[in-house]
Amino acid sequence: MVILERTSNNLRRALESGDSDEDARIRAVFGDLSESAIERLISKDVVKKFKELNGKRNSWRGHGGHTSGEERRVQVDSLVSDLRELRWLLGNVWAQLLLVRAGSARRVRDGYVQAAEVAVGTRSPFVTRDFRVGDAMLDGELYLVRDRSQSPLRLGQFVQLRAAPHNAQYTSYFYNRTEGTSVRMVSYQYGPGSEVEYDAERFRDEFGALALA
């Protein structure tokens, strides 16, 4: 929550400064989303909603263990309501960007034409499409992109597309926490076997200036 509040506050200040260089820098950070879409993502209302959810997570009984069926139903109904409100706040922001796995690229006069597999669901094969981009994407890596993006948004190792537990085709793994020299990645789609472990050194580039324990 501290990171979310400080980052969104700094980004809002930069957007409101009227500095065209700052605008371009922030657009690049968000994969060339429109300014109105970025404003939705970093709005005070979105931060407020996450603070409410964080409070629920920490106060609800059952967070660290068992809860009754009735309590669980109340919690689920509450979270569904929160999700609807969050979707209303964000609108169609994420519809502007596609999750892709980058493939081969060829240089053209105004940048690159790059083939990429579009993630379309666990029951369908990846459909390959060509995207015109300013900066070439790294082969085999995951990005959020739209056609004619100057700077596709690289997800790094914080989000991974790997074989699902028990050979259940594919699922997505998300960075969860660092424990000593290990990084934990979790999948929210599956229960048992939904967590994998990696050497934290593999994440040093993604962590940037953050120190690893």
N, C-alpha and C. Protein backbone atom coordinates (compact mmCIF):
# COMPACT_ATOMS: atom_id res chain seq x y z
N MET A 1 0.81 -1.19 0.00
CA MET A 1 0.00 0.00 0.00
C MET A 1 0.86 1.26 0.00
N VAL A 2 1.98 1.23 0.72
CA VAL A 2 2.87 2.39 0.74
C VAL A 2 3.41 2.66 -0.66
N ILE A 3 3.85 1.59 -1.35
CA ILE A 3 4.38 1.74 -2.72
C ILE A 3 3.29 2.27 -3.65
N LEU A 4 2.08 1.70 -3.55
CA LEU A 4 0.97 2.12 -4.41
C LEU A 4 0.64 3.60 -4.19
N GLU A 5 0.54 4.01 -2.95
CA GLU A 5 0.18 5.40 -2.65
C GLU A 5 1.25 6.37 -3.14
N ARG A 6 2.51 6.07 -2.84
CA ARG A 6 3.59 6.99 -3.23
C ARG A 6 3.76 7.04 -4.74
N THR A 7 3.71 5.87 -5.39
CA THR A 7 3.91 5.84 -6.84
C THR A 7 2.79 6.57 -7.56
N SER A 8 1.55 6.27 -7.21
CA SER A 8 0.42 6.92 -7.88
C SER A 8 0.42 8.43 -7.63
N ASN A 9 0.80 8.84 -6.43
CA ASN A 9 0.86 10.27 -6.12
C ASN A 9 1.93 10.96 -6.97
N ASN A 10 3.10 10.35 -7.08
CA ASN A 10 4.17 10.93 -7.89
C ASN A 10 3.78 10.99 -9.37
N LEU A 11 3.12 9.95 -9.86
CA LEU A 11 2.71 9.93 -11.26
C LEU A 11 1.64 10.98 -11.52
N ARG A 12 0.70 11.12 -10.61
CA ARG A 12 -0.34 12.15 -10.78
C ARG A 12 0.28 13.55 -10.83
N ARG A 13 1.26 13.80 -9.94
CA ARG A 13 1.94 15.09 -9.94
C ARG A 13 2.64 15.34 -11.26
N ALA A 14 3.30 14.30 -11.79
CA ALA A 14 4.03 14.45 -13.05
C ALA A 14 3.08 14.74 -14.21
N LEU A 15 1.94 14.04 -14.24
CA LEU A 15 0.97 14.27 -15.32
C LEU A 15 0.37 15.67 -15.25
N GLU A 16 0.20 16.16 -14.04
CA GLU A 16 -0.43 17.48 -13.86
C GLU A 16 0.56 18.62 -14.06
N SER A 17 1.85 18.30 -14.22
CA SER A 17 2.87 19.34 -14.34
C SER A 17 2.82 20.06 -15.68
N GLY A 18 2.24 19.42 -16.70
CA GLY A 18 2.20 20.03 -18.02
C GLY A 18 3.49 19.90 -18.80
N ASP A 19 4.46 19.14 -18.26
CA ASP A 19 5.75 18.93 -18.92
C ASP A 19 5.59 17.83 -19.98
N SER A 20 5.81 18.17 -21.25
CA SER A 20 5.61 17.20 -22.33
C SER A 20 6.57 16.03 -22.23
N ASP A 21 7.80 16.27 -21.74
CA ASP A 21 8.77 15.19 -21.57
C ASP A 21 8.30 14.21 -20.50
N GLU A 22 7.75 14.73 -19.41
CA GLU A 22 7.21 13.87 -18.36
C GLU A 22 6.04 13.05 -18.88
N ASP A 23 5.18 13.70 -19.66
CA ASP A 23 4.04 12.98 -20.25
C ASP A 23 4.51 11.81 -21.09
N ALA A 24 5.52 12.05 -21.94
CA ALA A 24 6.03 11.00 -22.82
C ALA A 24 6.68 9.88 -22.01
N ARG A 25 7.40 10.24 -20.96
CA ARG A 25 8.04 9.23 -20.11
C ARG A 25 7.01 8.33 -19.44
N ILE A 26 5.94 8.94 -18.93
CA ILE A 26 4.91 8.16 -18.24
C ILE A 26 4.15 7.30 -19.23
N ARG A 27 3.86 7.83 -20.42
CA ARG A 27 3.19 7.02 -21.45
C ARG A 27 4.02 5.79 -21.78
N ALA A 28 5.34 5.96 -21.87
CA ALA A 28 6.22 4.83 -22.18
C ALA A 28 6.19 3.79 -21.06
N VAL A 29 6.17 4.26 -19.81
CA VAL A 29 6.12 3.34 -18.66
C VAL A 29 4.86 2.48 -18.71
N PHE A 30 3.76 3.03 -19.20
CA PHE A 30 2.49 2.31 -19.26
C PHE A 30 2.20 1.73 -20.64
N GLY A 31 3.24 1.47 -21.41
CA GLY A 31 3.04 0.81 -22.71
C GLY A 31 2.27 1.63 -23.71
N ASP A 32 2.38 2.96 -23.61
CA ASP A 32 1.71 3.88 -24.54
C ASP A 32 0.19 3.90 -24.39
N LEU A 33 -0.30 3.66 -23.19
CA LEU A 33 -1.72 3.88 -22.92
C LEU A 33 -2.04 5.36 -23.09
N SER A 34 -3.30 5.66 -23.35
CA SER A 34 -3.71 7.05 -23.44
C SER A 34 -3.61 7.72 -22.07
N GLU A 35 -3.50 9.04 -22.05
CA GLU A 35 -3.36 9.75 -20.78
C GLU A 35 -4.59 9.53 -19.91
N SER A 36 -5.78 9.51 -20.52
CA SER A 36 -7.01 9.30 -19.73
C SER A 36 -7.02 7.91 -19.09
N ALA A 37 -6.49 6.91 -19.80
CA ALA A 37 -6.44 5.56 -19.25
C ALA A 37 -5.47 5.49 -18.07
N ILE A 38 -4.31 6.17 -18.21
CA ILE A 38 -3.33 6.20 -17.12
C ILE A 38 -3.92 6.90 -15.90
N GLU A 39 -4.66 7.98 -16.14
CA GLU A 39 -5.29 8.70 -15.03
C GLU A 39 -6.26 7.81 -14.26
N ARG A 40 -6.94 6.93 -14.96
CA ARG A 40 -7.84 5.99 -14.29
C ARG A 40 -7.05 5.02 -13.40
N LEU A 41 -5.94 4.51 -13.93
CA LEU A 41 -5.15 3.52 -13.19
C LEU A 41 -4.55 4.09 -11.91
N ILE A 42 -4.18 5.36 -11.93
CA ILE A 42 -3.49 5.95 -10.78
C ILE A 42 -4.39 6.89 -9.99
N SER A 43 -5.69 6.81 -10.19
CA SER A 43 -6.61 7.72 -9.51
C SER A 43 -6.66 7.45 -8.02
N LYS A 44 -7.03 8.48 -7.26
CA LYS A 44 -7.17 8.36 -5.82
C LYS A 44 -8.25 7.34 -5.45
N ASP A 45 -9.29 7.24 -6.29
CA ASP A 45 -10.37 6.29 -6.01
C ASP A 45 -9.88 4.84 -6.08
N VAL A 46 -8.98 4.54 -7.03
CA VAL A 46 -8.43 3.19 -7.14
C VAL A 46 -7.57 2.88 -5.91
N VAL A 47 -6.75 3.85 -5.50
CA VAL A 47 -5.93 3.66 -4.31
C VAL A 47 -6.82 3.43 -3.09
N LYS A 48 -7.87 4.21 -2.97
CA LYS A 48 -8.81 4.07 -1.85
C LYS A 48 -9.43 2.68 -1.82
N LYS A 49 -9.80 2.17 -2.99
CA LYS A 49 -10.41 0.83 -3.06
C LYS A 49 -9.43 -0.24 -2.60
N PHE A 50 -8.18 -0.14 -3.00
CA PHE A 50 -7.19 -1.12 -2.56
C PHE A 50 -6.94 -1.04 -1.06
N LYS A 51 -7.00 0.17 -0.49
CA LYS A 51 -6.85 0.31 0.95
C LYS A 51 -8.01 -0.37 1.68
N GLU A 52 -9.22 -0.24 1.14
CA GLU A 52 -10.38 -0.93 1.73
C GLU A 52 -10.19 -2.44 1.68
N LEU A 53 -9.73 -2.94 0.55
CA LEU A 53 -9.53 -4.38 0.40
C LEU A 53 -8.43 -4.89 1.33
N ASN A 54 -7.38 -4.09 1.48
CA ASN A 54 -6.30 -4.48 2.37
C ASN A 54 -6.81 -4.57 3.81
N GLY A 55 -7.69 -3.64 4.19
CA GLY A 55 -8.28 -3.68 5.52
C GLY A 55 -9.12 -4.92 5.74
N LYS A 56 -9.89 -5.30 4.73
CA LYS A 56 -10.71 -6.51 4.83
C LYS A 56 -9.82 -7.74 4.99
N ARG A 57 -8.79 -7.79 4.17
CA ARG A 57 -7.89 -8.95 4.20
C ARG A 57 -7.32 -9.16 5.59
N ASN A 58 -6.95 -8.08 6.24
CA ASN A 58 -6.29 -8.19 7.53
C ASN A 58 -7.24 -8.34 8.71
N SER A 59 -8.51 -7.98 8.51
CA SER A 59 -9.45 -8.02 9.64
C SER A 59 -10.39 -9.22 9.61
N TRP A 60 -10.64 -9.78 8.42
CA TRP A 60 -11.57 -10.90 8.33
C TRP A 60 -11.02 -12.13 9.02
N ARG A 61 -11.87 -12.79 9.78
CA ARG A 61 -11.49 -14.10 10.30
C ARG A 61 -11.45 -15.08 9.12
N GLY A 62 -10.50 -16.01 9.18
CA GLY A 62 -10.35 -16.94 8.07
C GLY A 62 -9.19 -16.59 7.17
N HIS A 63 -8.63 -15.36 7.36
CA HIS A 63 -7.46 -14.98 6.56
C HIS A 63 -6.32 -15.98 6.76
N GLY A 64 -6.11 -16.39 8.02
CA GLY A 64 -5.02 -17.32 8.29
C GLY A 64 -5.45 -18.74 8.51
N GLY A 65 -6.72 -19.05 8.28
CA GLY A 65 -7.17 -20.42 8.52
C GLY A 65 -8.62 -20.62 8.14
N HIS A 66 -9.37 -21.34 8.98
CA HIS A 66 -10.73 -21.75 8.65
C HIS A 66 -11.75 -20.66 8.98
N THR A 67 -12.81 -20.57 8.18
CA THR A 67 -13.95 -19.72 8.49
C THR A 67 -15.21 -20.49 8.12
N SER A 68 -16.33 -20.12 8.70
CA SER A 68 -17.57 -20.86 8.46
C SER A 68 -18.09 -20.61 7.05
N GLY A 69 -18.99 -21.49 6.60
CA GLY A 69 -19.56 -21.35 5.27
C GLY A 69 -20.33 -20.06 5.09
N GLU A 70 -21.08 -19.66 6.11
CA GLU A 70 -21.86 -18.43 6.03
C GLU A 70 -20.94 -17.21 5.96
N GLU A 71 -19.90 -17.18 6.80
CA GLU A 71 -18.95 -16.07 6.75
C GLU A 71 -18.25 -16.00 5.40
N ARG A 72 -17.93 -17.15 4.86
CA ARG A 72 -17.25 -17.18 3.57
C ARG A 72 -18.15 -16.61 2.47
N ARG A 73 -19.44 -16.96 2.51
CA ARG A 73 -20.37 -16.44 1.50
C ARG A 73 -20.49 -14.92 1.60
N VAL A 74 -20.55 -14.41 2.83
CA VAL A 74 -20.62 -12.95 3.02
C VAL A 74 -19.37 -12.28 2.47
N GLN A 75 -18.22 -12.88 2.74
CA GLN A 75 -16.96 -12.32 2.25
C GLN A 75 -16.89 -12.34 0.73
N VAL A 76 -17.31 -13.45 0.13
CA VAL A 76 -17.28 -13.55 -1.33
C VAL A 76 -18.20 -12.51 -1.96
N ASP A 77 -19.43 -12.35 -1.40
CA ASP A 77 -20.36 -11.34 -1.93
C ASP A 77 -19.76 -9.95 -1.83
N SER A 78 -19.08 -9.68 -0.71
CA SER A 78 -18.45 -8.38 -0.53
C SER A 78 -17.36 -8.14 -1.55
N LEU A 79 -16.52 -9.17 -1.80
CA LEU A 79 -15.43 -9.03 -2.75
C LEU A 79 -15.94 -8.90 -4.19
N VAL A 80 -17.02 -9.60 -4.51
CA VAL A 80 -17.61 -9.46 -5.85
C VAL A 80 -18.09 -8.02 -6.07
N SER A 81 -18.69 -7.45 -5.03
CA SER A 81 -19.12 -6.05 -5.10
C SER A 81 -17.92 -5.12 -5.30
N ASP A 82 -16.83 -5.39 -4.57
CA ASP A 82 -15.62 -4.59 -4.73
C ASP A 82 -15.06 -4.71 -6.14
N LEU A 83 -15.09 -5.92 -6.69
CA LEU A 83 -14.57 -6.15 -8.04
C LEU A 83 -15.39 -5.38 -9.07
N ARG A 84 -16.70 -5.38 -8.91
CA ARG A 84 -17.56 -4.62 -9.82
C ARG A 84 -17.23 -3.13 -9.76
N GLU A 85 -17.01 -2.63 -8.54
CA GLU A 85 -16.69 -1.21 -8.39
C GLU A 85 -15.34 -0.89 -9.01
N LEU A 86 -14.35 -1.79 -8.83
CA LEU A 86 -13.03 -1.58 -9.42
C LEU A 86 -13.12 -1.58 -10.94
N ARG A 87 -13.90 -2.49 -11.50
CA ARG A 87 -14.07 -2.53 -12.95
C ARG A 87 -14.72 -1.24 -13.46
N TRP A 88 -15.65 -0.70 -12.68
CA TRP A 88 -16.30 0.54 -13.06
C TRP A 88 -15.29 1.68 -13.04
N LEU A 89 -14.42 1.70 -12.02
CA LEU A 89 -13.40 2.75 -11.92
C LEU A 89 -12.40 2.69 -13.07
N LEU A 90 -12.02 1.47 -13.46
CA LEU A 90 -10.99 1.31 -14.49
C LEU A 90 -11.56 1.39 -15.90
N GLY A 91 -12.83 1.07 -16.06
CA GLY A 91 -13.42 1.08 -17.39
C GLY A 91 -12.76 0.04 -18.30
N ASN A 92 -12.49 0.42 -19.53
CA ASN A 92 -11.91 -0.52 -20.51
C ASN A 92 -10.41 -0.34 -20.67
N VAL A 93 -9.74 0.15 -19.60
CA VAL A 93 -8.31 0.45 -19.69
C VAL A 93 -7.52 -0.74 -20.22
N TRP A 94 -7.69 -1.90 -19.59
CA TRP A 94 -6.87 -3.06 -19.98
C TRP A 94 -7.24 -3.62 -21.34
N ALA A 95 -8.44 -3.28 -21.83
CA ALA A 95 -8.82 -3.74 -23.17
C ALA A 95 -7.95 -3.10 -24.24
N GLN A 96 -7.26 -2.00 -23.89
CA GLN A 96 -6.39 -1.33 -24.85
C GLN A 96 -5.08 -2.09 -25.07
N LEU A 97 -4.73 -2.98 -24.15
CA LEU A 97 -3.47 -3.70 -24.23
C LEU A 97 -3.72 -5.20 -24.27
N LEU A 98 -2.93 -5.92 -25.07
CA LEU A 98 -3.04 -7.37 -25.16
C LEU A 98 -1.84 -8.03 -24.49
N LEU A 99 -2.10 -9.12 -23.79
CA LEU A 99 -1.02 -9.92 -23.22
C LEU A 99 -0.47 -10.82 -24.31
N VAL A 100 0.82 -10.69 -24.61
CA VAL A 100 1.42 -11.47 -25.70
C VAL A 100 2.75 -12.07 -25.26
N ARG A 101 3.15 -13.12 -25.99
CA ARG A 101 4.50 -13.67 -25.86
C ARG A 101 5.22 -13.37 -27.16
N ALA A 102 6.28 -12.56 -27.07
CA ALA A 102 6.94 -12.03 -28.25
C ALA A 102 7.66 -13.12 -29.04
N GLY A 103 7.67 -12.94 -30.37
CA GLY A 103 8.38 -13.85 -31.26
C GLY A 103 9.37 -13.08 -32.12
N SER A 104 9.54 -13.51 -33.35
CA SER A 104 10.54 -12.92 -34.24
C SER A 104 10.10 -11.54 -34.71
N ALA A 105 11.09 -10.70 -35.04
CA ALA A 105 10.82 -9.34 -35.48
C ALA A 105 11.64 -9.02 -36.72
N ARG A 106 11.13 -8.09 -37.54
CA ARG A 106 11.90 -7.59 -38.68
C ARG A 106 11.88 -6.07 -38.65
N ARG A 107 12.99 -5.48 -39.02
CA ARG A 107 13.15 -4.03 -38.97
C ARG A 107 12.47 -3.40 -40.18
N VAL A 108 11.69 -2.33 -39.92
CA VAL A 108 11.08 -1.54 -40.99
C VAL A 108 11.46 -0.08 -40.74
N ARG A 109 11.06 0.81 -41.64
CA ARG A 109 11.51 2.20 -41.57
C ARG A 109 11.10 2.89 -40.26
N ASP A 110 9.90 2.59 -39.78
CA ASP A 110 9.42 3.30 -38.59
C ASP A 110 9.48 2.46 -37.33
N GLY A 111 10.33 1.42 -37.31
CA GLY A 111 10.44 0.59 -36.12
C GLY A 111 10.58 -0.88 -36.47
N TYR A 112 9.68 -1.69 -35.92
CA TYR A 112 9.72 -3.13 -36.14
C TYR A 112 8.31 -3.66 -36.39
N VAL A 113 8.25 -4.74 -37.15
CA VAL A 113 7.04 -5.56 -37.23
C VAL A 113 7.38 -6.86 -36.53
N GLN A 114 6.67 -7.15 -35.47
CA GLN A 114 7.02 -8.30 -34.64
C GLN A 114 5.84 -9.25 -34.48
N ALA A 115 6.11 -10.52 -34.70
CA ALA A 115 5.10 -11.55 -34.46
C ALA A 115 5.02 -11.82 -32.96
N ALA A 116 3.81 -12.06 -32.46
CA ALA A 116 3.63 -12.35 -31.04
C ALA A 116 2.42 -13.25 -30.87
N GLU A 117 2.51 -14.16 -29.91
CA GLU A 117 1.39 -15.03 -29.59
C GLU A 117 0.49 -14.32 -28.58
N VAL A 118 -0.79 -14.21 -28.93
CA VAL A 118 -1.75 -13.54 -28.05
C VAL A 118 -2.36 -14.57 -27.12
N ALA A 119 -2.29 -14.31 -25.81
CA ALA A 119 -2.87 -15.23 -24.83
C ALA A 119 -4.39 -15.09 -24.88
N VAL A 120 -5.06 -16.14 -25.34
CA VAL A 120 -6.51 -16.05 -25.55
C VAL A 120 -7.30 -16.98 -24.66
N GLY A 121 -6.66 -17.68 -23.71
CA GLY A 121 -7.40 -18.55 -22.81
C GLY A 121 -6.78 -19.93 -22.74
N THR A 122 -7.13 -20.65 -21.67
CA THR A 122 -6.48 -21.94 -21.43
C THR A 122 -6.94 -23.03 -22.37
N ARG A 123 -8.07 -22.85 -23.04
CA ARG A 123 -8.60 -23.90 -23.91
C ARG A 123 -8.36 -23.64 -25.39
N SER A 124 -7.65 -22.58 -25.70
CA SER A 124 -7.41 -22.23 -27.09
C SER A 124 -5.92 -22.08 -27.32
N PRO A 125 -5.45 -22.43 -28.52
CA PRO A 125 -4.03 -22.22 -28.83
C PRO A 125 -3.76 -20.73 -28.97
N PHE A 126 -2.51 -20.35 -28.78
CA PHE A 126 -2.13 -18.95 -28.95
C PHE A 126 -2.23 -18.58 -30.42
N VAL A 127 -2.90 -17.47 -30.69
CA VAL A 127 -3.01 -16.96 -32.05
C VAL A 127 -1.86 -15.99 -32.29
N THR A 128 -1.12 -16.16 -33.38
CA THR A 128 0.01 -15.30 -33.69
C THR A 128 -0.44 -14.11 -34.52
N ARG A 129 -0.06 -12.91 -34.07
CA ARG A 129 -0.39 -11.68 -34.80
C ARG A 129 0.86 -10.85 -34.98
N ASP A 130 0.85 -10.00 -35.99
CA ASP A 130 1.94 -9.06 -36.19
C ASP A 130 1.59 -7.72 -35.54
N PHE A 131 2.57 -7.13 -34.85
CA PHE A 131 2.40 -5.82 -34.22
C PHE A 131 3.48 -4.89 -34.72
N ARG A 132 3.11 -3.65 -35.05
CA ARG A 132 4.11 -2.62 -35.36
C ARG A 132 4.49 -1.94 -34.05
N VAL A 133 5.76 -1.97 -33.72
CA VAL A 133 6.23 -1.38 -32.46
C VAL A 133 7.48 -0.55 -32.72
N GLY A 134 7.70 0.43 -31.84
CA GLY A 134 8.90 1.25 -31.96
C GLY A 134 10.13 0.55 -31.42
N ASP A 135 9.99 -0.07 -30.24
CA ASP A 135 11.08 -0.83 -29.62
C ASP A 135 10.77 -2.31 -29.72
N ALA A 136 11.71 -3.09 -30.24
CA ALA A 136 11.48 -4.52 -30.39
C ALA A 136 11.34 -5.20 -29.03
N MET A 137 10.44 -6.17 -28.96
CA MET A 137 10.25 -6.95 -27.74
C MET A 137 11.25 -8.10 -27.71
N LEU A 138 11.65 -8.53 -26.51
CA LEU A 138 12.57 -9.65 -26.36
C LEU A 138 11.87 -10.96 -26.69
N ASP A 139 12.48 -11.75 -27.53
CA ASP A 139 11.89 -13.01 -27.97
C ASP A 139 11.57 -13.90 -26.77
N GLY A 140 10.33 -14.42 -26.73
CA GLY A 140 9.92 -15.35 -25.69
C GLY A 140 9.42 -14.71 -24.41
N GLU A 141 9.50 -13.37 -24.29
CA GLU A 141 9.08 -12.70 -23.06
C GLU A 141 7.63 -12.21 -23.18
N LEU A 142 7.00 -12.00 -22.01
CA LEU A 142 5.61 -11.53 -21.96
C LEU A 142 5.56 -10.01 -21.95
N TYR A 143 4.59 -9.46 -22.71
CA TYR A 143 4.41 -8.00 -22.79
C TYR A 143 2.92 -7.67 -22.81
N LEU A 144 2.62 -6.44 -22.41
CA LEU A 144 1.33 -5.84 -22.70
C LEU A 144 1.57 -4.86 -23.84
N VAL A 145 0.81 -5.01 -24.92
CA VAL A 145 1.12 -4.25 -26.14
C VAL A 145 -0.16 -4.00 -26.92
N ARG A 146 -0.12 -2.98 -27.74
CA ARG A 146 -1.14 -2.79 -28.78
C ARG A 146 -0.42 -2.38 -30.05
N ASP A 147 -1.10 -2.52 -31.16
CA ASP A 147 -0.47 -2.21 -32.43
C ASP A 147 -0.03 -0.75 -32.46
N ARG A 148 1.19 -0.52 -32.94
CA ARG A 148 1.82 0.80 -33.06
C ARG A 148 2.22 1.38 -31.70
N SER A 149 2.40 0.53 -30.70
CA SER A 149 2.99 1.00 -29.44
C SER A 149 4.44 1.37 -29.67
N GLN A 150 4.86 2.49 -29.13
CA GLN A 150 6.28 2.85 -29.21
C GLN A 150 7.09 1.97 -28.27
N SER A 151 6.59 1.76 -27.04
CA SER A 151 7.34 1.01 -26.02
C SER A 151 6.42 -0.03 -25.38
N PRO A 152 6.36 -1.25 -25.91
CA PRO A 152 5.56 -2.30 -25.29
C PRO A 152 5.98 -2.50 -23.84
N LEU A 153 5.02 -2.83 -22.97
CA LEU A 153 5.28 -2.93 -21.54
C LEU A 153 5.72 -4.35 -21.18
N ARG A 154 7.00 -4.50 -20.89
CA ARG A 154 7.56 -5.82 -20.55
C ARG A 154 7.19 -6.18 -19.11
N LEU A 155 6.68 -7.39 -18.92
CA LEU A 155 6.26 -7.83 -17.60
C LEU A 155 7.41 -8.45 -16.81
N GLY A 156 8.51 -8.78 -17.48
CA GLY A 156 9.64 -9.37 -16.78
C GLY A 156 9.27 -10.71 -16.17
N GLN A 157 10.01 -11.12 -15.18
CA GLN A 157 9.75 -12.41 -14.56
C GLN A 157 8.66 -12.34 -13.49
N PHE A 158 8.13 -11.13 -13.23
CA PHE A 158 7.11 -11.01 -12.21
C PHE A 158 5.80 -11.68 -12.61
N VAL A 159 5.59 -11.86 -13.92
CA VAL A 159 4.46 -12.64 -14.41
C VAL A 159 5.01 -13.65 -15.38
N GLN A 160 4.66 -14.93 -15.20
CA GLN A 160 5.18 -15.99 -16.05
C GLN A 160 4.04 -16.87 -16.56
N LEU A 161 4.21 -17.34 -17.78
CA LEU A 161 3.26 -18.29 -18.36
C LEU A 161 3.97 -19.63 -18.45
N ARG A 162 3.50 -20.59 -17.64
CA ARG A 162 4.18 -21.87 -17.52
C ARG A 162 3.17 -23.00 -17.50
N ALA A 163 3.67 -24.23 -17.57
CA ALA A 163 2.78 -25.38 -17.44
C ALA A 163 2.07 -25.32 -16.11
N ALA A 164 0.76 -25.56 -16.11
CA ALA A 164 -0.03 -25.51 -14.88
C ALA A 164 0.23 -26.75 -14.03
N PRO A 165 -0.16 -26.70 -12.74
CA PRO A 165 -0.01 -27.89 -11.90
C PRO A 165 -0.74 -29.09 -12.48
N HIS A 166 -0.16 -30.25 -12.31
CA HIS A 166 -0.78 -31.51 -12.75
C HIS A 166 -1.06 -31.54 -14.25
N ASN A 167 -0.20 -30.88 -15.02
CA ASN A 167 -0.32 -30.90 -16.49
C ASN A 167 -1.64 -30.33 -16.99
N ALA A 168 -2.19 -29.34 -16.29
CA ALA A 168 -3.47 -28.75 -16.68
C ALA A 168 -3.27 -27.61 -17.67
N GLN A 169 -2.60 -27.92 -18.79
CA GLN A 169 -2.30 -26.94 -19.83
C GLN A 169 -1.45 -25.81 -19.27
N TYR A 170 -1.90 -24.54 -19.33
CA TYR A 170 -1.08 -23.40 -18.91
C TYR A 170 -1.81 -22.54 -17.89
N THR A 171 -1.02 -21.86 -17.09
CA THR A 171 -1.57 -20.87 -16.18
C THR A 171 -0.55 -19.76 -16.01
N SER A 172 -0.94 -18.69 -15.33
CA SER A 172 -0.04 -17.56 -15.08
C SER A 172 0.42 -17.58 -13.64
N TYR A 173 1.71 -17.32 -13.44
CA TYR A 173 2.27 -17.22 -12.10
C TYR A 173 2.67 -15.77 -11.84
N PHE A 174 2.39 -15.29 -10.63
CA PHE A 174 2.65 -13.90 -10.27
C PHE A 174 3.61 -13.83 -9.09
N TYR A 175 4.48 -12.83 -9.13
CA TYR A 175 5.39 -12.62 -8.00
C TYR A 175 4.59 -12.42 -6.72
N ASN A 176 4.97 -13.14 -5.65
CA ASN A 176 4.26 -13.05 -4.38
C ASN A 176 5.12 -12.47 -3.27
N ARG A 177 6.34 -13.02 -3.10
CA ARG A 177 7.19 -12.55 -2.00
C ARG A 177 8.61 -13.07 -2.18
N THR A 178 9.52 -12.45 -1.45
CA THR A 178 10.91 -12.90 -1.39
C THR A 178 11.18 -13.43 0.01
N GLU A 179 11.75 -14.63 0.09
CA GLU A 179 12.08 -15.24 1.37
C GLU A 179 13.55 -15.63 1.34
N GLY A 180 14.39 -14.83 2.00
CA GLY A 180 15.82 -15.11 1.99
C GLY A 180 16.37 -15.04 0.59
N THR A 181 16.88 -16.15 0.08
CA THR A 181 17.46 -16.17 -1.27
C THR A 181 16.49 -16.73 -2.30
N SER A 182 15.21 -16.89 -1.93
CA SER A 182 14.22 -17.46 -2.83
C SER A 182 13.10 -16.47 -3.12
N VAL A 183 12.55 -16.58 -4.33
CA VAL A 183 11.37 -15.82 -4.73
C VAL A 183 10.23 -16.80 -4.93
N ARG A 184 9.06 -16.46 -4.39
CA ARG A 184 7.87 -17.30 -4.52
C ARG A 184 6.95 -16.72 -5.59
N MET A 185 6.51 -17.59 -6.51
CA MET A 185 5.53 -17.23 -7.52
C MET A 185 4.28 -18.06 -7.29
N VAL A 186 3.09 -17.45 -7.39
CA VAL A 186 1.86 -18.18 -7.12
C VAL A 186 0.91 -18.05 -8.31
N SER A 187 0.07 -19.07 -8.47
CA SER A 187 -1.02 -19.04 -9.45
C SER A 187 -2.32 -18.96 -8.67
N TYR A 188 -3.18 -18.03 -9.06
CA TYR A 188 -4.47 -17.88 -8.37
C TYR A 188 -5.57 -18.70 -9.04
N GLN A 189 -5.20 -19.45 -10.07
CA GLN A 189 -6.19 -20.25 -10.78
C GLN A 189 -6.35 -21.64 -10.18
N TYR A 190 -5.29 -22.15 -9.56
CA TYR A 190 -5.31 -23.50 -9.02
C TYR A 190 -4.98 -23.48 -7.54
N GLY A 191 -5.46 -24.47 -6.82
CA GLY A 191 -5.19 -24.58 -5.40
C GLY A 191 -3.92 -25.35 -5.11
N PRO A 192 -4.02 -26.69 -4.96
CA PRO A 192 -2.83 -27.50 -4.65
C PRO A 192 -1.76 -27.35 -5.73
N GLY A 193 -0.53 -27.26 -5.29
CA GLY A 193 0.58 -27.16 -6.24
C GLY A 193 0.62 -25.86 -6.99
N SER A 194 0.06 -24.77 -6.41
CA SER A 194 -0.05 -23.51 -7.15
C SER A 194 1.11 -22.56 -6.89
N GLU A 195 2.15 -23.01 -6.21
CA GLU A 195 3.27 -22.15 -5.87
C GLU A 195 4.58 -22.76 -6.35
N VAL A 196 5.43 -21.92 -6.94
CA VAL A 196 6.75 -22.38 -7.38
C VAL A 196 7.81 -21.46 -6.79
N GLU A 197 9.04 -21.96 -6.72
CA GLU A 197 10.12 -21.23 -6.06
C GLU A 197 11.28 -21.04 -7.03
N TYR A 198 11.92 -19.85 -6.98
CA TYR A 198 13.05 -19.54 -7.84
C TYR A 198 14.18 -18.91 -7.03
N ASP A 199 15.37 -18.99 -7.57
CA ASP A 199 16.51 -18.32 -6.97
C ASP A 199 16.33 -16.81 -7.14
N ALA A 200 16.39 -16.07 -6.05
CA ALA A 200 16.17 -14.62 -6.10
C ALA A 200 17.17 -13.91 -7.01
N GLU A 201 18.35 -14.49 -7.21
CA GLU A 201 19.34 -13.86 -8.08
C GLU A 201 18.82 -13.71 -9.50
N ARG A 202 17.91 -14.61 -9.93
CA ARG A 202 17.35 -14.52 -11.28
C ARG A 202 16.49 -13.28 -11.45
N PHE A 203 16.08 -12.67 -10.34
CA PHE A 203 15.20 -11.51 -10.39
C PHE A 203 15.96 -10.19 -10.19
N ARG A 204 17.28 -10.26 -10.09
CA ARG A 204 18.02 -9.06 -9.76
C ARG A 204 17.76 -7.93 -10.77
N ASP A 205 17.71 -8.25 -12.06
CA ASP A 205 17.46 -7.21 -13.06
C ASP A 205 16.10 -6.58 -12.87
N GLU A 206 15.07 -7.41 -12.57
CA GLU A 206 13.73 -6.89 -12.39
C GLU A 206 13.61 -6.05 -11.13
N PHE A 207 14.34 -6.44 -10.07
CA PHE A 207 14.29 -5.68 -8.82
C PHE A 207 15.00 -4.34 -8.95
N GLY A 208 15.91 -4.25 -9.91
CA GLY A 208 16.62 -2.99 -10.10
C GLY A 208 17.43 -2.62 -8.87
N ALA A 209 17.17 -1.43 -8.34
CA ALA A 209 17.96 -0.94 -7.21
C ALA A 209 17.52 -1.53 -5.87
N LEU A 210 16.45 -2.32 -5.85
CA LEU A 210 16.01 -2.90 -4.59
C LEU A 210 17.02 -3.96 -4.16
N ALA A 211 17.38 -3.96 -2.90
CA ALA A 211 18.37 -4.92 -2.38
C ALA A 211 17.69 -6.24 -2.10
N LEU A 212 18.37 -7.34 -2.47
CA LEU A 212 17.86 -8.67 -2.18
C LEU A 212 18.45 -9.14 -0.85
N ALA A 213 17.59 -9.77 -0.06
CA ALA A 213 18.06 -10.26 1.24
C ALA A 213 19.00 -11.43 1.04
